[in-house]
Amino acid sequence: MTFNGFDIFMILFTLIILIGVIRLLKDGPKKNLFALGFGIVSLLVFLASDAIMIKAWFS
């Protein structure tokens, strides 16, 4: 498998989710725990898929 145009969107979505999780963590004492949990799970899924995607680039 080689580089695909969709790979750029995957990395961009991962960065957007990361920014969202950081903003949710800085929200102060009134944190939305559901949104924070959903963001963390989404971030972990996207980081795992990015790792697999980048590993495939170098194989």
Protein backbone atom coordinates (compact mmCIF):
# COMPACT_ATOMS: atom_id res chain seq x y z
CA MET A 1 0.00 0.00 0.00
CA THR A 2 1.27 3.46 -0.84
CA PHE A 3 0.34 7.03 -0.05
CA ASN A 4 -3.28 7.91 -0.77
CA GLY A 5 -4.97 11.32 -0.99
CA PHE A 6 -7.35 10.36 1.81
CA ASP A 7 -4.38 10.01 4.19
CA ILE A 8 -4.10 13.80 4.44
CA PHE A 9 -7.72 14.02 5.62
CA MET A 10 -7.13 11.32 8.22
CA ILE A 11 -4.22 13.27 9.70
CA LEU A 12 -6.18 16.54 9.61
CA PHE A 13 -9.18 14.95 11.36
CA THR A 14 -6.83 13.55 14.01
CA LEU A 15 -5.39 17.01 14.64
CA ILE A 16 -8.88 18.54 14.86
CA ILE A 17 -9.97 15.89 17.38
CA LEU A 18 -6.77 16.47 19.39
CA ILE A 19 -7.45 20.23 19.52
CA GLY A 20 -11.02 19.52 20.64
CA VAL A 21 -9.91 17.18 23.43
CA ILE A 22 -7.35 19.73 24.65
CA ARG A 23 -10.01 22.46 24.69
CA LEU A 24 -12.39 20.18 26.60
CA LEU A 25 -9.69 19.45 29.18
CA LYS A 26 -9.07 23.19 29.67
CA ASP A 27 -12.79 23.86 30.15
CA GLY A 28 -12.44 24.48 33.88
CA PRO A 29 -14.47 22.97 36.69
CA LYS A 30 -17.59 22.37 34.55
CA LYS A 31 -16.33 19.69 32.17
CA ASN A 32 -18.66 17.88 29.79
CA LEU A 33 -17.64 14.32 30.65
CA PHE A 34 -19.62 12.70 27.83
CA ALA A 35 -17.99 14.91 25.20
CA LEU A 36 -14.58 14.40 26.78
CA GLY A 37 -14.97 10.60 26.81
CA PHE A 38 -16.26 10.53 23.25
CA GLY A 39 -13.38 12.75 22.12
CA ILE A 40 -10.76 10.59 23.82
CA VAL A 41 -12.17 7.38 22.32
CA SER A 42 -12.32 8.99 18.88
CA LEU A 43 -8.77 10.27 19.27
CA LEU A 44 -7.50 6.80 20.21
CA VAL A 45 -9.24 5.24 17.19
CA PHE A 46 -7.83 7.85 14.82
CA LEU A 47 -4.32 7.61 16.32
CA ALA A 48 -4.40 3.82 15.89
CA SER A 49 -5.56 4.11 12.27
CA ASP A 50 -2.93 6.78 11.59
CA ALA A 51 -0.21 4.54 13.03
CA ILE A 52 -1.32 1.65 10.80
CA MET A 53 -1.52 3.98 7.80
CA ILE A 54 1.96 5.46 8.36
CA LYS A 55 3.43 2.01 9.00
CA ALA A 56 2.02 0.92 5.62
CA TRP A 57 3.78 3.84 3.91
CA PHE A 58 7.20 2.49 4.89
CA SER A 59 6.55 -1.19 4.23
